[in-house]
Amino acid sequence: MNPEWILRVVLIGITHWILAGLLLQDLAYRQRVVGGKKWIWALVIILITFLGSLLYLFFHPQVLYPEDRGRTKK
């Protein structure tokens, strides 16, 4: 195996688990999610490597602005 290929896989794995951890923490504190079921989002984030995290970010852009977390629109 090529060491460069192994390094890429390891870095993608580390990036996935860091991002997944941050998003799972956001999911735990969020009152409402798209689809209404938090456990489905948790499975998507964990099981669909990297793409699940990107999907969550796409559907919940407020993740980038934590001061808005917990607020509801009027």
Protein backbone atom coordinates (compact mmCIF):
# COMPACT_ATOMS: atom_id res chain seq x y z
CA MET A 1 0.00 0.00 0.00
CA ASN A 2 1.08 3.50 -0.75
CA PRO A 3 1.76 5.52 2.45
CA GLU A 4 0.27 8.62 0.85
CA TRP A 5 -3.02 6.78 0.27
CA ILE A 6 -3.09 5.56 3.89
CA LEU A 7 -2.44 9.11 5.14
CA ARG A 8 -5.35 10.44 3.08
CA VAL A 9 -7.73 7.83 4.46
CA VAL A 10 -6.63 8.55 8.03
CA LEU A 11 -7.02 12.32 7.58
CA ILE A 12 -10.49 11.92 6.06
CA GLY A 13 -11.44 9.66 8.99
CA ILE A 14 -10.18 12.13 11.57
CA THR A 15 -11.97 14.99 9.83
CA HIS A 16 -15.21 12.98 9.74
CA TRP A 17 -15.17 12.15 13.46
CA ILE A 18 -14.31 15.71 14.51
CA LEU A 19 -17.10 17.11 12.34
CA ALA A 20 -19.50 14.36 13.45
CA GLY A 21 -18.77 15.14 17.11
CA LEU A 22 -19.47 18.84 16.63
CA LEU A 23 -22.67 18.14 14.72
CA LEU A 24 -23.93 15.57 17.23
CA GLN A 25 -23.41 18.13 19.99
CA ASP A 26 -25.38 20.69 17.97
CA LEU A 27 -28.09 18.09 17.34
CA ALA A 28 -28.39 17.38 21.07
CA TYR A 29 -29.03 21.05 21.88
CA ARG A 30 -31.28 21.81 18.92
CA GLN A 31 -35.01 21.93 19.73
CA ARG A 32 -36.30 21.14 16.23
CA VAL A 33 -34.74 19.45 13.22
CA VAL A 34 -35.82 18.93 9.62
CA GLY A 35 -37.94 15.78 9.59
CA GLY A 36 -38.65 16.02 13.31
CA LYS A 37 -36.61 12.98 14.41
CA LYS A 38 -33.21 13.58 15.95
CA TRP A 39 -32.23 9.91 16.07
CA ILE A 40 -32.45 9.64 12.27
CA TRP A 41 -30.10 12.60 11.90
CA ALA A 42 -27.71 11.05 14.43
CA LEU A 43 -27.58 7.84 12.39
CA VAL A 44 -27.06 9.76 9.15
CA ILE A 45 -24.21 11.78 10.67
CA ILE A 46 -22.48 8.70 12.10
CA LEU A 47 -23.10 6.03 9.46
CA ILE A 48 -22.84 7.93 6.20
CA THR A 49 -19.20 8.87 6.41
CA PHE A 50 -18.54 12.55 5.70
CA LEU A 51 -21.59 12.90 3.42
CA GLY A 52 -23.96 12.63 6.41
CA SER A 53 -22.24 15.54 8.11
CA LEU A 54 -22.43 17.63 4.96
CA LEU A 55 -26.14 16.83 4.58
CA TYR A 56 -26.79 17.98 8.16
CA LEU A 57 -24.89 21.23 7.50
CA PHE A 58 -26.90 21.76 4.31
CA PHE A 59 -30.26 21.31 6.02
CA HIS A 60 -29.28 23.21 9.20
CA PRO A 61 -27.15 26.18 8.14
CA GLN A 62 -27.61 27.74 11.60
CA VAL A 63 -24.89 25.35 12.84
CA LEU A 64 -22.38 27.93 11.68
CA TYR A 65 -23.99 30.56 13.95
CA PRO A 66 -24.27 29.02 17.45
CA GLU A 67 -25.74 32.17 18.99
CA ASP A 68 -28.94 31.45 17.02
CA ARG A 69 -29.26 27.93 18.41
CA GLY A 70 -32.39 27.42 20.46
CA ARG A 71 -34.21 30.44 19.10
CA THR A 72 -37.46 29.97 17.26
CA LYS A 73 -38.72 32.05 14.38
CA LYS A 74 -41.80 34.15 14.99
